Protein backbone atom coordinates (compact mmCIF):
# COMPACT_ATOMS: atom_id res chain seq x y z
CA MET A 1 31.54 -24.71 -27.74
CA THR A 2 31.50 -21.05 -28.80
CA ASP A 3 29.77 -18.29 -26.86
CA ARG A 4 27.26 -17.93 -29.70
CA VAL A 5 26.24 -21.59 -29.44
CA LYS A 6 26.11 -21.44 -25.65
CA GLY A 7 24.08 -18.24 -25.74
CA SER A 8 21.65 -19.67 -28.27
CA ILE A 9 21.13 -22.82 -26.19
CA LEU A 10 20.62 -20.82 -23.00
CA ALA A 11 18.20 -18.34 -24.61
CA PHE A 12 16.24 -21.18 -26.21
CA GLY A 13 16.26 -23.16 -22.96
CA GLY A 14 15.07 -20.21 -20.90
CA ALA A 15 12.18 -19.54 -23.27
CA ALA A 16 11.31 -23.25 -23.31
CA CYS A 17 11.19 -23.20 -19.51
CA TRP A 18 8.59 -20.43 -19.67
CA GLY A 19 6.56 -22.57 -22.06
CA LEU A 20 6.83 -25.54 -19.71
CA SER A 21 5.68 -23.35 -16.84
CA GLY A 22 2.57 -22.31 -18.77
CA CYS A 23 1.73 -25.94 -19.52
CA THR A 24 2.21 -26.82 -15.87
CA GLY A 25 -0.29 -24.11 -15.03
CA GLN A 26 -2.71 -25.55 -17.59
CA TYR A 27 -2.32 -29.01 -16.01
CA LEU A 28 -2.94 -27.61 -12.52
CA PHE A 29 -6.08 -25.80 -13.68
CA THR A 30 -7.43 -28.78 -15.63
CA TYR A 31 -6.56 -31.74 -13.42
CA GLU A 32 -5.72 -30.41 -9.95
CA GLY A 33 -8.65 -28.06 -9.46
CA MET A 34 -6.55 -24.91 -9.03
CA SER A 35 -7.65 -21.54 -10.34
CA ALA A 36 -5.60 -18.67 -11.71
CA THR A 37 -6.62 -16.49 -8.79
CA TRP A 38 -5.31 -19.16 -6.38
CA LEU A 39 -2.06 -20.02 -8.16
CA THR A 40 -0.93 -16.53 -9.15
CA PRO A 41 -0.70 -15.02 -5.63
CA ILE A 42 1.12 -18.10 -4.33
CA ARG A 43 3.52 -18.18 -7.25
CA LEU A 44 4.32 -14.47 -7.07
CA LEU A 45 4.76 -14.49 -3.31
CA LEU A 46 7.12 -17.47 -3.30
CA ALA A 47 9.21 -16.18 -6.20
CA GLY A 48 9.36 -12.72 -4.63
CA LEU A 49 10.50 -14.09 -1.28
CA ILE A 50 13.25 -16.12 -2.95
CA LEU A 51 14.60 -13.24 -5.06
CA CYS A 52 14.29 -10.55 -2.38
CA GLY A 53 15.76 -12.97 0.18
CA TYR A 54 18.76 -13.49 -2.07
CA TYR A 55 19.40 -9.75 -2.39
CA CYS A 56 18.71 -9.22 1.31
CA ILE A 57 21.66 -11.50 2.04
CA ARG A 58 23.84 -10.29 -0.82
CA ASP A 59 23.29 -6.51 -0.67
CA PRO A 60 20.52 -5.27 1.66
CA LYS A 61 21.29 -1.61 0.96
CA LEU A 62 20.78 -2.14 -2.76
CA LEU A 63 17.53 -3.98 -2.08
CA ILE A 64 15.89 -1.03 -0.30
CA ALA A 65 17.52 1.70 -2.42
CA PRO A 66 14.57 2.18 -4.86
CA TRP A 67 12.24 2.97 -1.94
CA ARG A 68 14.37 5.94 -0.83
CA SER A 69 13.37 8.02 -3.85
CA ARG A 70 9.77 9.12 -4.37
CA ARG A 71 10.12 8.96 -8.17
CA GLU A 72 11.68 5.50 -8.10
CA THR A 73 9.04 4.30 -5.66
CA VAL A 74 6.28 5.36 -8.06
CA ASP A 75 8.12 3.74 -10.98
CA LEU A 76 8.60 0.53 -9.02
CA LEU A 77 4.92 0.39 -8.07
CA ILE A 78 3.80 0.87 -11.68
CA TYR A 79 6.42 -1.59 -12.96
CA GLY A 80 5.65 -4.19 -10.32
CA LEU A 81 1.87 -3.99 -10.01
CA ALA A 82 0.44 -2.64 -13.28
CA GLY A 83 3.19 -4.34 -15.30
CA VAL A 84 4.78 -7.55 -14.04
CA SER A 85 2.17 -8.77 -11.54
CA CYS A 86 -0.93 -8.00 -13.61
CA CYS A 87 0.81 -9.60 -16.59
CA GLN A 88 1.23 -12.80 -14.59
CA LEU A 89 -2.42 -12.76 -13.49
CA MET A 90 -3.78 -12.07 -16.99
CA TYR A 91 -1.52 -14.74 -18.49
CA PHE A 92 -2.67 -17.47 -16.12
CA MET A 93 -6.30 -16.39 -16.44
CA THR A 94 -5.93 -16.79 -20.22
CA ILE A 95 -4.50 -20.28 -19.73
CA ASP A 96 -7.37 -21.11 -17.38
CA GLN A 97 -9.86 -20.13 -20.11
CA SER A 98 -8.00 -21.54 -23.15
CA THR A 99 -4.57 -23.21 -23.44
CA ALA A 100 -0.97 -22.41 -22.53
CA GLY A 101 -0.05 -22.11 -26.21
CA MET A 102 -2.83 -19.63 -26.93
CA ALA A 103 -2.03 -17.53 -23.85
CA THR A 104 1.66 -17.37 -24.69
CA ILE A 105 1.27 -16.44 -28.34
CA LEU A 106 -1.26 -13.71 -27.52
CA GLN A 107 1.22 -12.28 -25.04
CA ASN A 108 3.91 -12.33 -27.74
CA VAL A 109 1.97 -9.70 -29.67
CA SER A 110 3.49 -7.21 -27.21
CA PRO A 111 6.52 -6.29 -29.40
CA ALA A 112 4.12 -5.00 -32.08
CA MET A 113 2.26 -3.01 -29.43
CA ILE A 114 5.57 -1.58 -28.22
CA LEU A 115 6.37 -0.58 -31.78
CA VAL A 116 3.03 1.23 -32.16
CA VAL A 117 3.59 3.13 -28.89
CA THR A 118 7.15 3.99 -29.94
CA CYS A 119 5.94 5.43 -33.24
CA LEU A 120 3.20 7.44 -31.52
CA LEU A 121 5.62 8.88 -28.95
CA ALA A 122 8.11 9.76 -31.70
CA ARG A 123 5.28 11.19 -33.85
CA ARG A 124 6.41 9.27 -36.90
CA MET A 125 4.96 6.78 -39.31
CA PRO A 126 6.14 3.16 -39.10
CA LYS A 127 8.89 2.11 -41.50
CA PRO A 128 7.87 -0.44 -44.15
CA PHE A 129 9.17 -3.45 -42.20
CA GLU A 130 7.56 -2.07 -39.01
CA LEU A 131 4.21 -1.67 -40.77
CA ALA A 132 4.54 -5.23 -42.09
CA SER A 133 5.25 -6.43 -38.54
CA ILE A 134 2.16 -4.71 -37.15
CA LEU A 135 -0.04 -6.14 -39.92
CA LEU A 136 1.39 -9.63 -39.35
CA ALA A 137 0.66 -9.37 -35.63
CA MET A 138 -2.93 -8.32 -36.35
CA LEU A 139 -3.35 -11.13 -38.89
CA GLY A 140 -1.85 -13.67 -36.48
CA VAL A 141 -4.23 -12.67 -33.69
CA PHE A 142 -7.17 -12.76 -36.12
CA LEU A 143 -6.31 -16.29 -37.32
CA LEU A 144 -5.71 -17.58 -33.80
CA THR A 145 -8.83 -16.15 -32.24
CA THR A 146 -11.35 -16.53 -35.07
CA HIS A 147 -9.98 -19.42 -37.22
CA GLY A 148 -10.81 -17.33 -40.26
CA SER A 149 -14.41 -16.63 -39.32
CA LEU A 150 -15.79 -13.09 -39.57
CA THR A 151 -18.78 -13.85 -37.37
CA GLY A 152 -17.39 -15.34 -34.16
CA LEU A 153 -14.43 -16.17 -31.95
CA ALA A 154 -12.70 -19.54 -31.77
CA ILE A 155 -11.78 -18.84 -28.13
CA SER A 156 -13.88 -17.37 -25.36
CA PRO A 157 -14.18 -13.57 -25.22
CA GLY A 158 -12.72 -13.72 -21.71
CA ALA A 159 -9.59 -15.52 -22.92
CA PHE A 160 -9.15 -13.04 -25.76
CA LEU A 161 -9.53 -10.07 -23.38
CA THR A 162 -7.12 -11.37 -20.74
CA GLY A 163 -4.62 -12.45 -23.43
CA MET A 164 -4.57 -8.97 -24.92
CA LEU A 165 -4.36 -7.39 -21.46
CA SER A 166 -1.33 -9.56 -20.65
CA ALA A 167 0.39 -8.14 -23.76
CA VAL A 168 -0.52 -4.59 -22.67
CA CYS A 169 1.03 -5.29 -19.27
CA VAL A 170 4.25 -6.40 -21.03
CA VAL A 171 4.29 -3.02 -22.79
CA ILE A 172 3.94 -1.27 -19.42
CA TYR A 173 6.75 -3.09 -17.65
CA THR A 174 9.02 -2.88 -20.70
CA MET A 175 8.63 0.82 -21.53
CA TRP A 176 7.78 2.60 -18.30
CA PRO A 177 10.73 2.25 -15.89
CA LYS A 178 13.72 2.79 -18.20
CA GLN A 179 15.70 4.75 -15.61
CA LEU A 180 14.82 2.25 -12.91
CA GLN A 181 15.99 -0.69 -15.01
CA SER A 182 19.24 1.08 -15.89
CA ARG A 183 20.10 1.62 -12.23
CA TYR A 184 19.16 -1.67 -10.61
CA PRO A 185 19.51 -5.39 -11.44
CA THR A 186 16.41 -6.69 -13.20
CA PRO A 187 16.17 -9.80 -10.94
CA MET A 188 15.96 -7.52 -7.89
CA LEU A 189 13.26 -5.36 -9.48
CA GLN A 190 11.33 -8.47 -10.40
CA GLY A 191 11.72 -9.76 -6.86
CA TRP A 192 9.98 -6.64 -5.56
CA ALA A 193 7.38 -6.88 -8.33
CA PHE A 194 6.59 -10.50 -7.45
CA LEU A 195 6.50 -9.75 -3.73
CA MET A 196 4.20 -6.73 -4.11
CA GLY A 197 1.92 -8.52 -6.55
CA GLY A 198 1.76 -11.65 -4.42
CA ALA A 199 0.84 -9.65 -1.32
CA LEU A 200 -1.77 -7.56 -3.18
CA PHE A 201 -3.40 -10.54 -4.89
CA CYS A 202 -3.44 -12.51 -1.63
CA LEU A 203 -5.42 -9.65 -0.07
CA LEU A 204 -7.73 -9.39 -3.09
CA PHE A 205 -8.38 -13.09 -3.76
CA ARG A 206 -7.79 -14.55 -0.27
CA PRO A 207 -6.67 -18.00 -1.49
CA TRP A 208 -6.74 -19.35 2.06
CA GLU A 209 -10.52 -18.87 2.13
CA SER A 210 -11.15 -20.97 -0.99
CA GLY A 211 -10.87 -24.23 0.92
CA TYR A 212 -8.53 -25.61 -1.72
CA VAL A 213 -5.52 -27.57 -0.47
CA PRO A 214 -3.09 -28.88 -3.11
CA GLY A 215 -2.08 -32.52 -3.05
CA PRO A 216 1.47 -33.80 -3.67
CA VAL A 217 1.14 -33.34 -7.45
CA GLY A 218 -0.21 -29.83 -6.92
CA VAL A 219 2.71 -28.91 -4.66
CA LEU A 220 5.13 -30.29 -7.25
CA GLY A 221 3.40 -28.23 -9.93
CA ILE A 222 3.74 -25.07 -7.85
CA ALA A 223 7.45 -25.81 -7.40
CA VAL A 224 7.86 -26.23 -11.17
CA VAL A 225 6.03 -22.97 -11.89
CA VAL A 226 8.15 -21.05 -9.36
CA CYS A 227 11.58 -22.66 -9.78
CA VAL A 228 11.51 -23.54 -13.49
CA GLY A 229 9.15 -20.84 -14.77
CA ASN A 230 10.60 -17.98 -12.74
CA LEU A 231 14.12 -18.64 -11.52
CA LEU A 232 15.67 -21.12 -13.98
CA ALA A 233 14.02 -19.61 -17.05
CA PHE A 234 15.10 -16.10 -16.22
CA CYS A 235 18.69 -17.05 -15.34
CA CYS A 236 19.14 -19.07 -18.54
CA TYR A 237 17.60 -16.47 -20.81
CA MET A 238 19.48 -13.51 -19.35
CA GLN A 239 22.78 -15.40 -19.56
CA GLY A 240 21.94 -16.08 -23.20
CA VAL A 241 21.31 -12.35 -23.73
CA LYS A 242 24.71 -11.64 -22.17
CA LEU A 243 26.45 -14.01 -24.62
CA ILE A 244 24.66 -13.27 -27.91
CA GLY A 245 22.84 -9.99 -27.26
CA PRO A 246 19.15 -9.09 -27.01
CA GLN A 247 18.57 -8.96 -30.78
CA ARG A 248 19.47 -12.61 -31.43
CA SER A 249 18.07 -13.75 -28.09
CA SER A 250 14.66 -12.26 -28.88
CA LEU A 251 14.27 -14.71 -31.77
CA TYR A 252 14.51 -17.61 -29.35
CA THR A 253 11.60 -16.32 -27.27
CA PHE A 254 9.37 -18.03 -29.82
CA ALA A 255 10.47 -21.28 -28.15
CA GLU A 256 8.06 -20.28 -25.36
CA PRO A 257 4.78 -20.47 -27.35
CA ALA A 258 6.15 -23.33 -29.47
CA THR A 259 6.97 -25.38 -26.37
CA ALA A 260 3.66 -24.48 -24.76
CA ALA A 261 1.69 -25.43 -27.87
CA LEU A 262 3.60 -28.69 -28.36
CA ILE A 263 3.24 -29.88 -24.76
CA SER A 264 -0.37 -28.76 -24.37
CA THR A 265 -1.31 -30.49 -27.64
CA LEU A 266 0.60 -33.76 -27.20
CA ALA A 267 0.48 -34.19 -23.42
CA LEU A 268 -2.68 -32.34 -22.39
CA GLY A 269 -4.83 -33.02 -25.46
CA SER A 270 -5.43 -29.37 -26.39
CA PRO A 271 -6.66 -28.83 -29.97
CA PHE A 272 -4.20 -27.35 -32.48
CA THR A 273 -5.58 -26.57 -35.92
CA LEU A 274 -4.18 -25.34 -39.22
CA TRP A 275 -5.52 -21.89 -38.36
CA ASP A 276 -3.51 -21.95 -35.13
CA ALA A 277 -0.37 -22.92 -37.06
CA LEU A 278 -0.92 -20.07 -39.53
CA GLY A 279 -1.45 -17.61 -36.68
CA PHE A 280 1.71 -18.82 -34.92
CA GLY A 281 3.62 -18.45 -38.18
CA CYS A 282 2.50 -14.84 -38.69
CA ILE A 283 3.59 -13.83 -35.19
CA PHE A 284 6.91 -15.65 -35.55
CA VAL A 285 7.62 -13.77 -38.81
CA MET A 286 6.69 -10.55 -36.99
CA LEU A 287 9.31 -11.28 -34.31
CA VAL A 288 11.91 -12.02 -36.99
CA LEU A 289 11.17 -8.75 -38.80
CA LEU A 290 11.33 -6.68 -35.62
CA SER A 291 14.59 -8.31 -34.55
CA ALA A 292 16.44 -8.44 -37.87
CA GLY A 293 14.88 -5.67 -39.96
CA ALA A 294 15.92 -2.67 -37.87
CA GLY A 295 19.36 -1.16 -37.72
CA LYS A 296 19.21 -1.59 -33.97
CA PRO A 297 17.15 -4.01 -31.90
CA ALA A 298 13.52 -3.21 -31.42
CA PRO A 299 12.38 -2.96 -27.81
CA GLN A 300 11.92 -6.46 -26.47
CA PRO A 301 10.12 -7.41 -23.28
CA GLN A 302 12.24 -8.50 -20.35
CA HIS A 303 10.33 -11.59 -19.38
CA SER A 304 8.99 -11.89 -15.90
CA GLY A 305 9.01 -15.61 -15.84
CA VAL A 306 5.63 -16.03 -17.56
CA GLN A 307 5.63 -14.87 -19.61
CA SER A 308 4.81 -14.42 -19.79
C-alpha cells in the first residue's frame, strides 16, 4: 500500500471519526438526557487531562514553555478559550438544537470565512475561484438553513447562530496563533485548550449541580466522544496530513459532515431533504475549489476533535 493510499485512508478515517463523535453527541442529547452545557465541560476536561498528562510524562518542560512568555500566554488563552473551547461548545449546542450533520456542515463554512479575512488583511479582491468559493458557501448555507424559502428558517434561529459562531471560532483558532503553532506540537496546544476550556465551562455551567448522572450508555457515549472524537480522530487525520499533505487531506474533511448526516439520518431518524443535499453539495464544491484551485493550499482549520 502506497503512502498516498495510506494517507487518504487515515485522513478520511479521522474525519469520519469526528462525524461519529457528533452523532454520538446527538444520541446523548436526544436519548440520554444530556445537554451541551453538561457534556462539553466533561469532554474538554477529560481530553485535556489525557493530552496534558501525556506531555507531562514525555516532556514536562515543553508542556509549560508557552506560559513562560507573556505574548505566548495571551496567544494560548485566545487560541484555547475563544477558539478551540468555544468552538466545541457552539458545535455541541448546534447539535442539541438541530442535528449532527447540520452542525458539522455549518462549521465547514469556516474555510470561506478564512478566505474573506485573508483577502481583507491583504487588502485585495478575491480571485475568481475564491469569489466562486465564497458564493458557493453562502448558497450552501442558504439552502441548508432555509430550504429555499425567503420568508423563514428551516432550522431554529438558535441553531443557525451557534452553527455560524462555531465556524467563527474555527477562524480564530486557525488564524490567530501562527507563531504559537509553529513552535509547539498542535496536540499539546490542544491539550491546554481543552483543559482551560473544560475548567472554565465547569465553573460557568456547574454540571455537578444539574443533578444529572449518566447511566452505562451515557458513560460509553462520553468515552466515544473523548477517545474517538478527540484522540483517535486527531491522530489519524494528522498522520494522513503527514503522508499526503494538507491540501489533499482537506478534501477528506468532508467525510465528517457526510458521516454525521448519514448516521444521524439512518440511525437517529433525522430528516434529510433534497435542499439539504444541495446545500451539502455546494459546500463540498467550495472545499474542492479552495483546495485545488489555488497555487498553494488555502488555510485549512486544524480540527480540534469536533469539529468540529
